[in-house]
Amino acid sequence: MPHDLKAERIDRNLKRLRAALGDSAPDLQPRFDAYLAELLNGETMPDTPTSMRLPEAWLETAEDLAKHYQRNGQFAAFGTMTRATVLRLALQEGLKVLDDQRKADEQAFIDGR
């Protein structure tokens, strides 16, 4: 499918999802909008997937978390919560923590601590 057709289809589906959220769960719409703003903030997904071998315990934890969040709806803006979604969220949050630590370490070095 040509890129512009994919973009149009994605845009149309996002509009439908926003409308559905506005009708059925208006309290979730601001969170969904914030998520979309973060997601679409210049971030692109590569065409080539990245594969990783992870310990079975991590995968089981991700599966349990996916089931939990699917039931309680905390991350309803993501649609169906899957193990892959949980792992992406965990990776994103972990990278933020590590990057904040790196920045703090750099600042401590500059300050001479």
PDB file of N, CA and C in Angstrom:
ATOM      1  N   MET A   1       0.853  -1.171   0.000  1.00  0.00           N
ATOM      2  CA  MET A   1       0.000   0.000   0.000  1.00  0.00           C
ATOM      3  C   MET A   1       0.901   1.237   0.000  1.00  0.00           C
ATOM      4  N   PRO A   2       0.663   2.180  -0.885  1.00  0.00           N
ATOM      5  CA  PRO A   2       1.492   3.397  -0.901  1.00  0.00           C
ATOM      6  C   PRO A   2       1.418   4.126   0.431  1.00  0.00           C
ATOM      7  N   HIS A   3       2.519   4.815   0.751  1.00  0.00           N
ATOM      8  CA  HIS A   3       2.647   5.476   2.046  1.00  0.00           C
ATOM      9  C   HIS A   3       1.501   6.446   2.320  1.00  0.00           C
ATOM     10  N   ASP A   4       1.118   7.271   1.343  1.00  0.00           N
ATOM     11  CA  ASP A   4       0.076   8.260   1.580  1.00  0.00           C
ATOM     12  C   ASP A   4      -1.275   7.601   1.848  1.00  0.00           C
ATOM     13  N   LEU A   5      -1.530   6.445   1.246  1.00  0.00           N
ATOM     14  CA  LEU A   5      -2.768   5.728   1.536  1.00  0.00           C
ATOM     15  C   LEU A   5      -2.749   5.161   2.951  1.00  0.00           C
ATOM     16  N   LYS A   6      -1.585   4.673   3.388  1.00  0.00           N
ATOM     17  CA  LYS A   6      -1.459   4.191   4.765  1.00  0.00           C
ATOM     18  C   LYS A   6      -1.716   5.330   5.740  1.00  0.00           C
ATOM     19  N   ALA A   7      -1.125   6.479   5.469  1.00  0.00           N
ATOM     20  CA  ALA A   7      -1.292   7.637   6.359  1.00  0.00           C
ATOM     21  C   ALA A   7      -2.753   8.061   6.428  1.00  0.00           C
ATOM     22  N   GLU A   8      -3.429   8.069   5.281  1.00  0.00           N
ATOM     23  CA  GLU A   8      -4.850   8.436   5.266  1.00  0.00           C
ATOM     24  C   GLU A   8      -5.677   7.433   6.075  1.00  0.00           C
ATOM     25  N   ARG A   9      -5.369   6.169   5.908  1.00  0.00           N
ATOM     26  CA  ARG A   9      -6.096   5.123   6.639  1.00  0.00           C
ATOM     27  C   ARG A   9      -5.871   5.242   8.141  1.00  0.00           C
ATOM     28  N   ILE A  10      -4.642   5.472   8.543  1.00  0.00           N
ATOM     29  CA  ILE A  10      -4.328   5.652   9.962  1.00  0.00           C
ATOM     30  C   ILE A  10      -5.048   6.873  10.514  1.00  0.00           C
ATOM     31  N   ASP A  11      -5.006   7.975   9.769  1.00  0.00           N
ATOM     32  CA  ASP A  11      -5.674   9.205  10.214  1.00  0.00           C
ATOM     33  C   ASP A  11      -7.177   8.974  10.358  1.00  0.00           C
ATOM     34  N   ARG A  12      -7.778   8.309   9.399  1.00  0.00           N
ATOM     35  CA  ARG A  12      -9.217   8.018   9.449  1.00  0.00           C
ATOM     36  C   ARG A  12      -9.553   7.145  10.661  1.00  0.00           C
ATOM     37  N   ASN A  13      -8.723   6.125  10.917  1.00  0.00           N
ATOM     38  CA  ASN A  13      -8.971   5.242  12.065  1.00  0.00           C
ATOM     39  C   ASN A  13      -8.792   5.967  13.385  1.00  0.00           C
ATOM     40  N   LEU A  14      -7.801   6.855  13.474  1.00  0.00           N
ATOM     41  CA  LEU A  14      -7.612   7.640  14.700  1.00  0.00           C
ATOM     42  C   LEU A  14      -8.806   8.553  14.952  1.00  0.00           C
ATOM     43  N   LYS A  15      -9.333   9.152  13.903  1.00  0.00           N
ATOM     44  CA  LYS A  15     -10.509  10.016  14.056  1.00  0.00           C
ATOM     45  C   LYS A  15     -11.707   9.211  14.561  1.00  0.00           C
ATOM     46  N   ARG A  16     -11.870   8.000  14.016  1.00  0.00           N
ATOM     47  CA  ARG A  16     -12.964   7.135  14.473  1.00  0.00           C
ATOM     48  C   ARG A  16     -12.784   6.758  15.941  1.00  0.00           C
ATOM     49  N   LEU A  17     -11.561   6.424  16.311  1.00  0.00           N
ATOM     50  CA  LEU A  17     -11.283   6.048  17.691  1.00  0.00           C
ATOM     51  C   LEU A  17     -11.524   7.217  18.638  1.00  0.00           C
ATOM     52  N   ARG A  18     -11.085   8.410  18.255  1.00  0.00           N
ATOM     53  CA  ARG A  18     -11.325   9.589  19.099  1.00  0.00           C
ATOM     54  C   ARG A  18     -12.823   9.839  19.268  1.00  0.00           C
ATOM     55  N   ALA A  19     -13.563   9.704  18.175  1.00  0.00           N
ATOM     56  CA  ALA A  19     -15.016   9.915  18.245  1.00  0.00           C
ATOM     57  C   ALA A  19     -15.663   8.876  19.155  1.00  0.00           C
ATOM     58  N   ALA A  20     -15.232   7.624  19.033  1.00  0.00           N
ATOM     59  CA  ALA A  20     -15.783   6.558  19.879  1.00  0.00           C
ATOM     60  C   ALA A  20     -15.450   6.810  21.340  1.00  0.00           C
ATOM     61  N   LEU A  21     -14.229   7.243  21.615  1.00  0.00           N
ATOM     62  CA  LEU A  21     -13.853   7.557  22.996  1.00  0.00           C
ATOM     63  C   LEU A  21     -14.677   8.722  23.523  1.00  0.00           C
ATOM     64  N   GLY A  22     -14.874   9.729  22.693  1.00  0.00           N
ATOM     65  CA  GLY A  22     -15.665  10.882  23.112  1.00  0.00           C
ATOM     66  C   GLY A  22     -17.079  10.497  23.478  1.00  0.00           C
ATOM     67  N   ASP A  23     -17.622   9.522  22.756  1.00  0.00           N
ATOM     68  CA  ASP A  23     -18.990   9.080  23.027  1.00  0.00           C
ATOM     69  C   ASP A  23     -19.078   8.143  24.221  1.00  0.00           C
ATOM     70  N   SER A  24     -18.161   7.175  24.291  1.00  0.00           N
ATOM     71  CA  SER A  24     -18.291   6.125  25.294  1.00  0.00           C
ATOM     72  C   SER A  24     -17.459   6.337  26.553  1.00  0.00           C
ATOM     73  N   ALA A  25     -16.343   7.037  26.438  1.00  0.00           N
ATOM     74  CA  ALA A  25     -15.461   7.233  27.596  1.00  0.00           C
ATOM     75  C   ALA A  25     -14.781   8.599  27.514  1.00  0.00           C
ATOM     76  N   PRO A  26     -15.564   9.661  27.666  1.00  0.00           N
ATOM     77  CA  PRO A  26     -14.984  11.003  27.516  1.00  0.00           C
ATOM     78  C   PRO A  26     -13.855  11.299  28.506  1.00  0.00           C
ATOM     79  N   ASP A  27     -13.848  10.623  29.656  1.00  0.00           N
ATOM     80  CA  ASP A  27     -12.776  10.843  30.628  1.00  0.00           C
ATOM     81  C   ASP A  27     -11.434  10.294  30.131  1.00  0.00           C
ATOM     82  N   LEU A  28     -11.461   9.344  29.197  1.00  0.00           N
ATOM     83  CA  LEU A  28     -10.224   8.783  28.653  1.00  0.00           C
ATOM     84  C   LEU A  28      -9.658   9.609  27.503  1.00  0.00           C
ATOM     85  N   GLN A  29     -10.480  10.431  26.895  1.00  0.00           N
ATOM     86  CA  GLN A  29     -10.035  11.152  25.704  1.00  0.00           C
ATOM     87  C   GLN A  29      -8.824  12.055  25.952  1.00  0.00           C
ATOM     88  N   PRO A  30      -8.745  12.799  27.058  1.00  0.00           N
ATOM     89  CA  PRO A  30      -7.533  13.609  27.273  1.00  0.00           C
ATOM     90  C   PRO A  30      -6.266  12.760  27.380  1.00  0.00           C
ATOM     91  N   ARG A  31      -6.370  11.594  28.042  1.00  0.00           N
ATOM     92  CA  ARG A  31      -5.206  10.699  28.138  1.00  0.00           C
ATOM     93  C   ARG A  31      -4.827  10.165  26.774  1.00  0.00           C
ATOM     94  N   PHE A  32      -5.835   9.842  25.971  1.00  0.00           N
ATOM     95  CA  PHE A  32      -5.573   9.341  24.625  1.00  0.00           C
ATOM     96  C   PHE A  32      -4.901  10.427  23.787  1.00  0.00           C
ATOM     97  N   ASP A  33      -5.400  11.646  23.890  1.00  0.00           N
ATOM     98  CA  ASP A  33      -4.795  12.751  23.142  1.00  0.00           C
ATOM     99  C   ASP A  33      -3.350  12.982  23.567  1.00  0.00           C
ATOM    100  N   ALA A  34      -3.088  12.895  24.873  1.00  0.00           N
ATOM    101  CA  ALA A  34      -1.717  13.056  25.366  1.00  0.00           C
ATOM    102  C   ALA A  34      -0.829  11.934  24.846  1.00  0.00           C
ATOM    103  N   TYR A  35      -1.361  10.719  24.846  1.00  0.00           N
ATOM    104  CA  TYR A  35      -0.600   9.587  24.323  1.00  0.00           C
ATOM    105  C   TYR A  35      -0.293   9.781  22.844  1.00  0.00           C
ATOM    106  N   LEU A  36      -1.290  10.201  22.078  1.00  0.00           N
ATOM    107  CA  LEU A  36      -1.068  10.417  20.646  1.00  0.00           C
ATOM    108  C   LEU A  36      -0.035  11.512  20.402  1.00  0.00           C
ATOM    109  N   ALA A  37      -0.117  12.584  21.177  1.00  0.00           N
ATOM    110  CA  ALA A  37       0.854  13.660  21.013  1.00  0.00           C
ATOM    111  C   ALA A  37       2.264  13.156  21.259  1.00  0.00           C
ATOM    112  N   GLU A  38       2.423  12.327  22.276  1.00  0.00           N
ATOM    113  CA  GLU A  38       3.734  11.749  22.581  1.00  0.00           C
ATOM    114  C   GLU A  38       4.161  10.788  21.479  1.00  0.00           C
ATOM    115  N   LEU A  39       3.235   9.959  21.062  1.00  0.00           N
ATOM    116  CA  LEU A  39       3.535   8.952  20.047  1.00  0.00           C
ATOM    117  C   LEU A  39       3.897   9.596  18.713  1.00  0.00           C
ATOM    118  N   LEU A  40       3.161  10.621  18.348  1.00  0.00           N
ATOM    119  CA  LEU A  40       3.357  11.236  17.037  1.00  0.00           C
ATOM    120  C   LEU A  40       4.360  12.375  17.063  1.00  0.00           C
ATOM    121  N   ASN A  41       5.024  12.572  18.172  1.00  0.00           N
ATOM    122  CA  ASN A  41       5.975  13.666  18.321  1.00  0.00           C
ATOM    123  C   ASN A  41       7.288  13.341  17.614  1.00  0.00           C
ATOM    124  N   GLY A  42       7.205  13.174  16.315  1.00  0.00           N
ATOM    125  CA  GLY A  42       8.404  12.957  15.528  1.00  0.00           C
ATOM    126  C   GLY A  42       8.992  11.567  15.639  1.00  0.00           C
ATOM    127  N   GLU A  43       8.342  10.679  16.342  1.00  0.00           N
ATOM    128  CA  GLU A  43       8.875   9.335  16.473  1.00  0.00           C
ATOM    129  C   GLU A  43       8.394   8.489  15.312  1.00  0.00           C
ATOM    130  N   THR A  44       9.308   7.738  14.757  1.00  0.00           N
ATOM    131  CA  THR A  44       8.948   6.858  13.665  1.00  0.00           C
ATOM    132  C   THR A  44       9.346   5.439  14.037  1.00  0.00           C
ATOM    133  N   MET A  45       8.616   4.505  13.530  1.00  0.00           N
ATOM    134  CA  MET A  45       8.924   3.100  13.744  1.00  0.00           C
ATOM    135  C   MET A  45       9.689   2.607  12.521  1.00  0.00           C
ATOM    136  N   PRO A  46      10.786   1.924  12.741  1.00  0.00           N
ATOM    137  CA  PRO A  46      11.513   1.380  11.593  1.00  0.00           C
ATOM    138  C   PRO A  46      10.720   0.244  10.943  1.00  0.00           C
ATOM    139  N   ASP A  47      10.983   0.030   9.662  1.00  0.00           N
ATOM    140  CA  ASP A  47      10.305  -1.066   8.969  1.00  0.00           C
ATOM    141  C   ASP A  47      10.808  -2.423   9.431  1.00  0.00           C
ATOM    142  N   THR A  48      12.041  -2.461   9.913  1.00  0.00           N
ATOM    143  CA  THR A  48      12.641  -3.712  10.353  1.00  0.00           C
ATOM    144  C   THR A  48      12.407  -3.898  11.843  1.00  0.00           C
ATOM    145  N   PRO A  49      11.750  -4.980  12.247  1.00  0.00           N
ATOM    146  CA  PRO A  49      11.532  -5.197  13.674  1.00  0.00           C
ATOM    147  C   PRO A  49      12.835  -5.536  14.394  1.00  0.00           C
ATOM    148  N   THR A  50      12.867  -5.227  15.666  1.00  0.00           N
ATOM    149  CA  THR A  50      14.003  -5.574  16.508  1.00  0.00           C
ATOM    150  C   THR A  50      13.602  -6.766  17.359  1.00  0.00           C
ATOM    151  N   SER A  51      14.387  -7.801  17.304  1.00  0.00           N
ATOM    152  CA  SER A  51      14.050  -8.962  18.126  1.00  0.00           C
ATOM    153  C   SER A  51      15.029  -9.048  19.287  1.00  0.00           C
ATOM    154  N   MET A  52      14.517  -9.529  20.406  1.00  0.00           N
ATOM    155  CA  MET A  52      15.321  -9.658  21.619  1.00  0.00           C
ATOM    156  C   MET A  52      14.950 -10.977  22.294  1.00  0.00           C
ATOM    157  N   ARG A  53      15.933 -11.607  22.859  1.00  0.00           N
ATOM    158  CA  ARG A  53      15.662 -12.774  23.701  1.00  0.00           C
ATOM    159  C   ARG A  53      15.518 -12.259  25.126  1.00  0.00           C
ATOM    160  N   LEU A  54      14.406 -12.607  25.743  1.00  0.00           N
ATOM    161  CA  LEU A  54      14.134 -12.151  27.099  1.00  0.00           C
ATOM    162  C   LEU A  54      13.906 -13.352  27.999  1.00  0.00           C
ATOM    163  N   PRO A  55      14.252 -13.216  29.274  1.00  0.00           N
ATOM    164  CA  PRO A  55      13.990 -14.313  30.213  1.00  0.00           C
ATOM    165  C   PRO A  55      12.496 -14.646  30.266  1.00  0.00           C
ATOM    166  N   GLU A  56      12.205 -15.901  30.414  1.00  0.00           N
ATOM    167  CA  GLU A  56      10.820 -16.364  30.461  1.00  0.00           C
ATOM    168  C   GLU A  56      10.033 -15.656  31.567  1.00  0.00           C
ATOM    169  N   ALA A  57      10.688 -15.396  32.691  1.00  0.00           N
ATOM    170  CA  ALA A  57      10.007 -14.716  33.803  1.00  0.00           C
ATOM    171  C   ALA A  57       9.544 -13.315  33.399  1.00  0.00           C
ATOM    172  N   TRP A  58      10.351 -12.610  32.611  1.00  0.00           N
ATOM    173  CA  TRP A  58       9.956 -11.277  32.143  1.00  0.00           C
ATOM    174  C   TRP A  58       8.738 -11.362  31.229  1.00  0.00           C
ATOM    175  N   LEU A  59       8.745 -12.363  30.348  1.00  0.00           N
ATOM    176  CA  LEU A  59       7.620 -12.534  29.429  1.00  0.00           C
ATOM    177  C   LEU A  59       6.344 -12.894  30.184  1.00  0.00           C
ATOM    178  N   GLU A  60       6.474 -13.727  31.203  1.00  0.00           N
ATOM    179  CA  GLU A  60       5.303 -14.080  32.023  1.00  0.00           C
ATOM    180  C   GLU A  60       4.781 -12.864  32.771  1.00  0.00           C
ATOM    181  N   THR A  61       5.689 -12.050  33.305  1.00  0.00           N
ATOM    182  CA  THR A  61       5.278 -10.822  33.991  1.00  0.00           C
ATOM    183  C   THR A  61       4.572  -9.885  33.021  1.00  0.00           C
ATOM    184  N   ALA A  62       5.117  -9.742  31.819  1.00  0.00           N
ATOM    185  CA  ALA A  62       4.494  -8.883  30.809  1.00  0.00           C
ATOM    186  C   ALA A  62       3.103  -9.397  30.444  1.00  0.00           C
ATOM    187  N   GLU A  63       2.962 -10.702  30.340  1.00  0.00           N
ATOM    188  CA  GLU A  63       1.655 -11.305  30.032  1.00  0.00           C
ATOM    189  C   GLU A  63       0.658 -11.022  31.161  1.00  0.00           C
ATOM    190  N   ASP A  64       1.093 -11.183  32.410  1.00  0.00           N
ATOM    191  CA  ASP A  64       0.231 -10.901  33.567  1.00  0.00           C
ATOM    192  C   ASP A  64      -0.172  -9.429  33.598  1.00  0.00           C
ATOM    193  N   LEU A  65       0.792  -8.543  33.327  1.00  0.00           N
ATOM    194  CA  LEU A  65       0.487  -7.110  33.309  1.00  0.00           C
ATOM    195  C   LEU A  65      -0.486  -6.762  32.190  1.00  0.00           C
ATOM    196  N   ALA A  66      -0.308  -7.371  31.039  1.00  0.00           N
ATOM    197  CA  ALA A  66      -1.222  -7.123  29.915  1.00  0.00           C
ATOM    198  C   ALA A  66      -2.651  -7.496  30.300  1.00  0.00           C
ATOM    199  N   LYS A  67      -2.814  -8.642  30.937  1.00  0.00           N
ATOM    200  CA  LYS A  67      -4.148  -9.086  31.371  1.00  0.00           C
ATOM    201  C   LYS A  67      -4.719  -8.116  32.402  1.00  0.00           C
ATOM    202  N   HIS A  68      -3.881  -7.710  33.347  1.00  0.00           N
ATOM    203  CA  HIS A  68      -4.324  -6.777  34.394  1.00  0.00           C
ATOM    204  C   HIS A  68      -4.793  -5.451  33.790  1.00  0.00           C
ATOM    205  N   TYR A  69      -3.956  -4.864  32.933  1.00  0.00           N
ATOM    206  CA  TYR A  69      -4.303  -3.564  32.360  1.00  0.00           C
ATOM    207  C   TYR A  69      -5.444  -3.668  31.357  1.00  0.00           C
ATOM    208  N   GLN A  70      -5.594  -4.806  30.726  1.00  0.00           N
ATOM    209  CA  GLN A  70      -6.736  -4.995  29.833  1.00  0.00           C
ATOM    210  C   GLN A  70      -8.030  -4.988  30.639  1.00  0.00           C
ATOM    211  N   ARG A  71      -7.992  -5.609  31.835  1.00  0.00           N
ATOM    212  CA  ARG A  71      -9.181  -5.655  32.694  1.00  0.00           C
ATOM    213  C   ARG A  71      -9.509  -4.288  33.287  1.00  0.00           C
ATOM    214  N   ASN A  72      -8.489  -3.573  33.787  1.00  0.00           N
ATOM    215  CA  ASN A  72      -8.815  -2.333  34.493  1.00  0.00           C
ATOM    216  C   ASN A  72      -8.866  -1.113  33.590  1.00  0.00           C
ATOM    217  N   GLY A  73      -8.439  -1.242  32.335  1.00  0.00           N
ATOM    218  CA  GLY A  73      -8.598  -0.155  31.369  1.00  0.00           C
ATOM    219  C   GLY A  73      -7.680   1.030  31.547  1.00  0.00           C
ATOM    220  N   GLN A  74      -6.648   0.910  32.388  1.00  0.00           N
ATOM    221  CA  GLN A  74      -5.766   2.046  32.648  1.00  0.00           C
ATOM    222  C   GLN A  74      -5.100   2.563  31.380  1.00  0.00           C
ATOM    223  N   PHE A  75      -4.765   1.665  30.474  1.00  0.00           N
ATOM    224  CA  PHE A  75      -4.109   2.067  29.235  1.00  0.00           C
ATOM    225  C   PHE A  75      -5.032   1.816  28.043  1.00  0.00           C
ATOM    226  N   ALA A  76      -6.309   2.147  28.202  1.00  0.00           N
ATOM    227  CA  ALA A  76      -7.291   1.884  27.153  1.00  0.00           C
ATOM    228  C   ALA A  76      -6.956   2.592  25.847  1.00  0.00           C
ATOM    229  N   ALA A  77      -6.231   3.683  25.915  1.00  0.00           N
ATOM    230  CA  ALA A  77      -5.876   4.421  24.698  1.00  0.00           C
ATOM    231  C   ALA A  77      -5.011   3.588  23.762  1.00  0.00           C
ATOM    232  N   PHE A  78      -4.345   2.580  24.298  1.00  0.00           N
ATOM    233  CA  PHE A  78      -3.505   1.723  23.467  1.00  0.00           C
ATOM    234  C   PHE A  78      -4.319   0.684  22.715  1.00  0.00           C
ATOM    235  N   GLY A  79      -5.605   0.586  22.998  1.00  0.00           N
ATOM    236  CA  GLY A  79      -6.402  -0.466  22.386  1.00  0.00           C
ATOM    237  C   GLY A  79      -6.240  -1.737  23.197  1.00  0.00           C
ATOM    238  N   THR A  80      -6.188  -2.856  22.529  1.00  0.00           N
ATOM    239  CA  THR A  80      -6.001  -4.125  23.212  1.00  0.00           C
ATOM    240  C   THR A  80      -4.604  -4.177  23.819  1.00  0.00           C
ATOM    241  N   MET A  81      -4.550  -4.401  25.099  1.00  0.00           N
ATOM    242  CA  MET A  81      -3.261  -4.467  25.787  1.00  0.00           C
ATOM    243  C   MET A  81      -2.674  -5.853  25.579  1.00  0.00           C
ATOM    244  N   THR A  82      -1.506  -5.905  24.990  1.00  0.00           N
ATOM    245  CA  THR A  82      -0.841  -7.173  24.721  1.00  0.00           C
ATOM    246  C   THR A  82       0.498  -7.212  25.435  1.00  0.00           C
ATOM    247  N   ARG A  83       1.095  -8.380  25.429  1.00  0.00           N
ATOM    248  CA  ARG A  83       2.433  -8.522  26.011  1.00  0.00           C
ATOM    249  C   ARG A  83       3.411  -7.587  25.310  1.00  0.00           C
ATOM    250  N   ALA A  84       3.308  -7.480  23.996  1.00  0.00           N
ATOM    251  CA  ALA A  84       4.199  -6.601  23.232  1.00  0.00           C
ATOM    252  C   ALA A  84       4.009  -5.140  23.643  1.00  0.00           C
ATOM    253  N   THR A  85       2.774  -4.722  23.876  1.00  0.00           N
ATOM    254  CA  THR A  85       2.507  -3.349  24.305  1.00  0.00           C
ATOM    255  C   THR A  85       3.130  -3.090  25.667  1.00  0.00           C
ATOM    256  N   VAL A  86       2.975  -4.042  26.577  1.00  0.00           N
ATOM    257  CA  VAL A  86       3.568  -3.907  27.911  1.00  0.00           C
ATOM    258  C   VAL A  86       5.089  -3.798  27.806  1.00  0.00           C
ATOM    259  N   LEU A  87       5.687  -4.646  26.964  1.00  0.00           N
ATOM    260  CA  LEU A  87       7.147  -4.597  26.809  1.00  0.00           C
ATOM    261  C   LEU A  87       7.593  -3.270  26.206  1.00  0.00           C
ATOM    262  N   ARG A  88       6.842  -2.725  25.258  1.00  0.00           N
ATOM    263  CA  ARG A  88       7.182  -1.409  24.688  1.00  0.00           C
ATOM    264  C   ARG A  88       7.093  -0.321  25.764  1.00  0.00           C
ATOM    265  N   LEU A  89       6.023  -0.360  26.556  1.00  0.00           N
ATOM    266  CA  LEU A  89       5.875   0.626  27.638  1.00  0.00           C
ATOM    267  C   LEU A  89       7.010   0.503  28.646  1.00  0.00           C
ATOM    268  N   ALA A  90       7.347  -0.730  29.011  1.00  0.00           N
ATOM    269  CA  ALA A  90       8.425  -0.949  29.976  1.00  0.00           C
ATOM    270  C   ALA A  90       9.752  -0.439  29.421  1.00  0.00           C
ATOM    271  N   LEU A  91      10.000  -0.701  28.166  1.00  0.00           N
ATOM    272  CA  LEU A  91      11.234  -0.234  27.537  1.00  0.00           C
ATOM    273  C   LEU A  91      11.269   1.287  27.482  1.00  0.00           C
ATOM    274  N   GLN A  92      10.140   1.882  27.108  1.00  0.00           N
ATOM    275  CA  GLN A  92      10.068   3.344  27.051  1.00  0.00           C
ATOM    276  C   GLN A  92      10.317   3.954  28.431  1.00  0.00           C
ATOM    277  N   GLU A  93       9.644   3.426  29.451  1.00  0.00           N
ATOM    278  CA  GLU A  93       9.822   3.963  30.804  1.00  0.00           C
ATOM    279  C   GLU A  93      11.242   3.727  31.319  1.00  0.00           C
ATOM    280  N   GLY A  94      11.782   2.540  31.061  1.00  0.00           N
ATOM    281  CA  GLY A  94      13.146   2.242  31.478  1.00  0.00           C
ATOM    282  C   GLY A  94      14.158   3.155  30.809  1.00  0.00           C
ATOM    283  N   LEU A  95      13.967   3.431  29.528  1.00  0.00           N
ATOM    284  CA  LEU A  95      14.875   4.341  28.823  1.00  0.00           C
ATOM    285  C   LEU A  95      14.799   5.757  29.396  1.00  0.00           C
ATOM    286  N   LYS A  96      13.602   6.179  29.776  1.00  0.00           N
ATOM    287  CA  LYS A  96      13.461   7.508  30.396  1.00  0.00           C
ATOM    288  C   LYS A  96      14.241   7.561  31.710  1.00  0.00           C
ATOM    289  N   VAL A  97      14.108   6.522  32.527  1.00  0.00           N
ATOM    290  CA  VAL A  97      14.804   6.473  33.813  1.00  0.00           C
ATOM    291  C   VAL A  97      16.320   6.496  33.600  1.00  0.00           C
ATOM    292  N   LEU A  98      16.800   5.659  32.680  1.00  0.00           N
ATOM    293  CA  LEU A  98      18.240   5.616  32.407  1.00  0.00           C
ATOM    294  C   LEU A  98      18.747   6.940  31.845  1.00  0.00           C
ATOM    295  N   ASP A  99      17.977   7.567  30.982  1.00  0.00           N
ATOM    296  CA  ASP A  99      18.394   8.846  30.412  1.00  0.00           C
ATOM    297  C   ASP A  99      18.422   9.933  31.485  1.00  0.00           C
ATOM    298  N   ASP A 100      17.434   9.936  32.377  1.00  0.00           N
ATOM    299  CA  ASP A 100      17.441  10.904  33.483  1.00  0.00           C
ATOM    300  C   ASP A 100      18.657  10.687  34.382  1.00  0.00           C
ATOM    301  N   GLN A 101      19.003   9.422  34.629  1.00  0.00           N
ATOM    302  CA  GLN A 101      20.171   9.121  35.453  1.00  0.00           C
ATOM    303  C   GLN A 101      21.447   9.594  34.771  1.00  0.00           C
ATOM    304  N   ARG A 102      21.537   9.372  33.466  1.00  0.00           N
ATOM    305  CA  ARG A 102      22.702   9.833  32.705  1.00  0.00           C
ATOM    306  C   ARG A 102      22.840  11.348  32.792  1.00  0.00           C
ATOM    307  N   LYS A 103      21.729  12.045  32.643  1.00  0.00           N
ATOM    308  CA  LYS A 103      21.754  13.511  32.722  1.00  0.00           C
ATOM    309  C   LYS A 103      22.188  13.969  34.118  1.00  0.00           C
ATOM    310  N   ALA A 104      21.677  13.289  35.146  1.00  0.00           N
ATOM    311  CA  ALA A 104      22.064  13.629  36.512  1.00  0.00           C
ATOM    312  C   ALA A 104      23.547  13.366  36.740  1.00  0.00           C
ATOM    313  N   ASP A 105      24.051  12.256  36.217  1.00  0.00           N
ATOM    314  CA  ASP A 105      25.478  11.941  36.338  1.00  0.00           C
ATOM    315  C   ASP A 105      26.336  12.983  35.632  1.00  0.00           C
ATOM    316  N   GLU A 106      25.911  13.386  34.432  1.00  0.00           N
ATOM    317  CA  GLU A 106      26.665  14.407  33.698  1.00  0.00           C
ATOM    318  C   GLU A 106      26.675  15.727  34.452  1.00  0.00           C
ATOM    319  N   GLN A 107      25.529  16.078  35.010  1.00  0.00           N
ATOM    320  CA  GLN A 107      25.452  17.344  35.758  1.00  0.00           C
ATOM    321  C   GLN A 107      26.316  17.276  37.032  1.00  0.00           C
ATOM    322  N   ALA A 108      26.310  16.127  37.690  1.00  0.00           N
ATOM    323  CA  ALA A 108      27.137  15.958  38.877  1.00  0.00           C
ATOM    324  C   ALA A 108      28.618  16.076  38.503  1.00  0.00           C
ATOM    325  N   PHE A 109      29.011  15.554  37.379  1.00  0.00           N
ATOM    326  CA  PHE A 109      30.409  15.667  36.926  1.00  0.00           C
ATOM    327  C   PHE A 109      30.766  17.128  36.655  1.00  0.00           C
ATOM    328  N   ILE A 110      29.833  17.831  35.990  1.00  0.00           N
ATOM    329  CA  ILE A 110      30.068  19.256  35.698  1.00  0.00           C
ATOM    330  C   ILE A 110      30.163  20.062  36.993  1.00  0.00           C
ATOM    331  N   ASP A 111      29.301  19.733  37.954  1.00  0.00           N
ATOM    332  CA  ASP A 111      29.290  20.455  39.238  1.00  0.00           C
ATOM    333  C   ASP A 111      30.447  20.037  40.125  1.00  0.00           C
ATOM    334  N   GLY A 112      31.189  18.989  39.759  1.00  0.00           N
ATOM    335  CA  GLY A 112      32.328  18.548  40.544  1.00  0.00           C
ATOM    336  C   GLY A 112      31.962  17.734  41.755  1.00  0.00           C
ATOM    337  N   ARG A 113      30.810  17.095  41.732  1.00  0.00           N
ATOM    338  CA  ARG A 113      30.386  16.276  42.878  1.00  0.00           C
ATOM    339  C   ARG A 113      30.928  14.895  42.793  1.00  0.00           C
TER     340      ARG A 113
END
